């Protein structure tokens, strides 16, 4: 598919994500997704995980 990209994740990414997770009360994996979103200029995520609502600067879709 042309609209899907896969990125490598390293220890340094998880170390940064853990700090974000602790500051925002989300899981390390949610924080890792947020970190990559910020790095690549993404502002929306389609997810039913309501923890993404706790992260600033992104919008979780659907908004229900």
N, C-alpha and C. Protein backbone atom coordinates (compact mmCIF):
# COMPACT_ATOMS: atom_id res chain seq x y z
N UNK A 1 0.84 -1.18 0.00
CA UNK A 1 0.00 0.00 0.00
C UNK A 1 0.88 1.24 0.00
N UNK A 2 0.47 2.21 -0.76
CA UNK A 2 1.26 3.44 -0.87
C UNK A 2 1.09 4.39 0.30
N UNK A 3 0.02 4.25 1.07
CA UNK A 3 -0.23 5.21 2.15
C UNK A 3 0.17 4.69 3.53
N UNK A 4 0.95 3.63 3.58
CA UNK A 4 1.42 3.07 4.85
C UNK A 4 2.93 3.08 4.87
N UNK A 5 3.50 3.58 5.97
CA UNK A 5 4.95 3.58 6.15
C UNK A 5 5.27 2.88 7.46
N UNK A 6 6.35 2.13 7.48
CA UNK A 6 6.80 1.42 8.67
C UNK A 6 8.15 2.01 9.07
N UNK A 7 8.29 2.35 10.34
CA UNK A 7 9.51 2.96 10.85
C UNK A 7 10.16 2.04 11.87
N UNK A 8 11.47 2.07 11.91
CA UNK A 8 12.23 1.31 12.91
C UNK A 8 12.13 2.02 14.26
N UNK A 9 12.08 1.23 15.31
CA UNK A 9 12.00 1.76 16.67
C UNK A 9 13.21 1.25 17.43
N UNK A 10 13.90 2.17 18.07
CA UNK A 10 15.08 1.79 18.84
C UNK A 10 14.93 2.10 20.32
N UNK A 11 15.92 1.73 21.07
CA UNK A 11 15.91 1.95 22.52
C UNK A 11 15.74 3.43 22.86
N UNK A 12 16.40 4.30 22.13
CA UNK A 12 16.29 5.74 22.38
C UNK A 12 14.87 6.24 22.24
N UNK A 13 14.14 5.70 21.27
CA UNK A 13 12.73 6.08 21.09
C UNK A 13 11.91 5.69 22.33
N UNK A 14 12.14 4.47 22.81
CA UNK A 14 11.39 4.02 23.99
C UNK A 14 11.77 4.81 25.24
N UNK A 15 13.02 5.20 25.35
CA UNK A 15 13.42 6.01 26.51
C UNK A 15 12.69 7.35 26.51
N UNK A 16 12.59 7.99 25.35
CA UNK A 16 11.84 9.25 25.24
C UNK A 16 10.36 9.01 25.49
N UNK A 17 9.84 7.91 24.95
CA UNK A 17 8.42 7.59 25.11
C UNK A 17 8.07 7.35 26.57
N UNK A 18 8.96 6.72 27.32
CA UNK A 18 8.68 6.48 28.74
C UNK A 18 8.50 7.78 29.51
N UNK A 19 9.29 8.79 29.18
CA UNK A 19 9.14 10.09 29.83
C UNK A 19 7.78 10.71 29.49
N UNK A 20 7.41 10.64 28.23
CA UNK A 20 6.11 11.17 27.80
C UNK A 20 4.99 10.40 28.48
N UNK A 21 5.13 9.08 28.58
CA UNK A 21 4.11 8.24 29.21
C UNK A 21 3.91 8.62 30.67
N UNK A 22 5.00 8.80 31.39
CA UNK A 22 4.92 9.15 32.81
C UNK A 22 4.29 10.53 33.00
N UNK A 23 4.64 11.48 32.14
CA UNK A 23 4.12 12.85 32.26
C UNK A 23 2.63 12.93 31.94
N UNK A 24 2.13 12.03 31.08
CA UNK A 24 0.76 12.15 30.58
C UNK A 24 -0.17 11.02 31.01
N UNK A 25 0.33 10.06 31.78
CA UNK A 25 -0.51 8.98 32.27
C UNK A 25 -1.02 8.05 31.17
N UNK A 26 -0.15 7.78 30.19
CA UNK A 26 -0.51 6.87 29.09
C UNK A 26 0.52 5.75 29.05
N UNK A 27 0.25 4.72 28.24
CA UNK A 27 1.18 3.61 28.13
C UNK A 27 2.40 4.03 27.30
N UNK A 28 3.46 3.25 27.42
CA UNK A 28 4.67 3.52 26.64
C UNK A 28 4.38 3.41 25.15
N UNK A 29 3.53 2.48 24.75
CA UNK A 29 3.22 2.33 23.33
C UNK A 29 2.40 3.50 22.80
N UNK A 30 1.46 4.00 23.59
CA UNK A 30 0.71 5.20 23.19
C UNK A 30 1.67 6.39 23.05
N UNK A 31 2.57 6.51 24.01
CA UNK A 31 3.54 7.61 23.98
C UNK A 31 4.49 7.47 22.79
N UNK A 32 4.84 6.24 22.44
CA UNK A 32 5.70 6.01 21.29
C UNK A 32 5.00 6.44 20.00
N UNK A 33 3.73 6.09 19.87
CA UNK A 33 2.96 6.52 18.70
C UNK A 33 2.91 8.04 18.64
N UNK A 34 2.67 8.67 19.79
CA UNK A 34 2.63 10.14 19.88
C UNK A 34 3.96 10.75 19.46
N UNK A 35 5.06 10.17 19.94
CA UNK A 35 6.39 10.66 19.61
C UNK A 35 6.63 10.64 18.10
N UNK A 36 6.26 9.54 17.47
CA UNK A 36 6.43 9.45 16.02
C UNK A 36 5.49 10.40 15.29
N UNK A 37 4.29 10.56 15.80
CA UNK A 37 3.36 11.52 15.19
C UNK A 37 3.96 12.92 15.21
N UNK A 38 4.50 13.32 16.34
CA UNK A 38 5.11 14.65 16.46
C UNK A 38 6.31 14.78 15.51
N UNK A 39 7.13 13.74 15.44
CA UNK A 39 8.32 13.79 14.59
C UNK A 39 7.98 13.90 13.11
N UNK A 40 6.84 13.36 12.71
CA UNK A 40 6.47 13.35 11.30
C UNK A 40 5.33 14.32 10.97
N UNK A 41 4.99 15.19 11.93
CA UNK A 41 4.00 16.23 11.67
C UNK A 41 2.57 15.74 11.53
N UNK A 42 2.27 14.59 12.13
CA UNK A 42 0.90 14.05 12.08
C UNK A 42 0.10 14.61 13.25
N UNK A 43 -1.13 14.98 13.00
CA UNK A 43 -1.94 15.62 14.04
C UNK A 43 -3.20 14.85 14.39
N UNK A 44 -3.51 13.79 13.64
CA UNK A 44 -4.71 13.01 13.90
C UNK A 44 -4.36 11.52 13.95
N UNK A 45 -5.06 10.82 14.84
CA UNK A 45 -4.90 9.38 14.93
C UNK A 45 -6.29 8.76 15.00
N UNK A 46 -6.50 7.71 14.25
CA UNK A 46 -7.77 6.99 14.30
C UNK A 46 -7.59 5.84 15.28
N UNK A 47 -8.24 5.97 16.43
CA UNK A 47 -8.08 4.99 17.50
C UNK A 47 -9.27 5.04 18.44
N UNK A 48 -9.64 3.88 18.97
CA UNK A 48 -10.68 3.84 20.00
C UNK A 48 -10.07 3.92 21.40
N UNK A 49 -8.75 4.05 21.48
CA UNK A 49 -8.03 4.17 22.75
C UNK A 49 -8.16 5.61 23.25
N UNK A 50 -8.96 5.80 24.28
CA UNK A 50 -9.24 7.14 24.79
C UNK A 50 -8.05 7.79 25.50
N UNK A 51 -7.01 7.02 25.77
CA UNK A 51 -5.82 7.61 26.38
C UNK A 51 -5.17 8.65 25.48
N UNK A 52 -5.38 8.53 24.16
CA UNK A 52 -4.81 9.53 23.25
C UNK A 52 -5.41 10.91 23.49
N UNK A 53 -6.58 10.97 24.13
CA UNK A 53 -7.18 12.27 24.45
C UNK A 53 -6.33 13.05 25.45
N UNK A 54 -5.49 12.37 26.19
CA UNK A 54 -4.66 13.01 27.21
C UNK A 54 -3.40 13.66 26.62
N UNK A 55 -3.12 13.38 25.37
CA UNK A 55 -1.90 13.90 24.74
C UNK A 55 -2.22 15.17 23.98
N UNK A 56 -1.42 16.20 24.23
CA UNK A 56 -1.64 17.51 23.62
C UNK A 56 -1.25 17.48 22.15
N UNK A 57 -1.83 18.39 21.40
CA UNK A 57 -1.44 18.64 20.02
C UNK A 57 -1.88 17.58 19.02
N UNK A 58 -2.64 16.57 19.45
CA UNK A 58 -3.17 15.60 18.49
C UNK A 58 -4.66 15.44 18.72
N UNK A 59 -5.34 14.96 17.71
CA UNK A 59 -6.79 14.72 17.79
C UNK A 59 -7.03 13.25 17.54
N UNK A 60 -7.80 12.63 18.43
CA UNK A 60 -8.17 11.23 18.26
C UNK A 60 -9.49 11.16 17.51
N UNK A 61 -9.52 10.35 16.49
CA UNK A 61 -10.74 10.13 15.72
C UNK A 61 -11.15 8.67 15.88
N UNK A 62 -12.42 8.33 15.93
CA UNK A 62 -13.55 9.26 15.96
C UNK A 62 -13.63 9.92 17.32
N UNK A 63 -14.28 11.06 17.37
CA UNK A 63 -14.32 11.89 18.60
C UNK A 63 -15.36 11.41 19.61
N UNK A 64 -15.96 10.27 19.41
CA UNK A 64 -16.99 9.76 20.33
C UNK A 64 -16.37 9.15 21.56
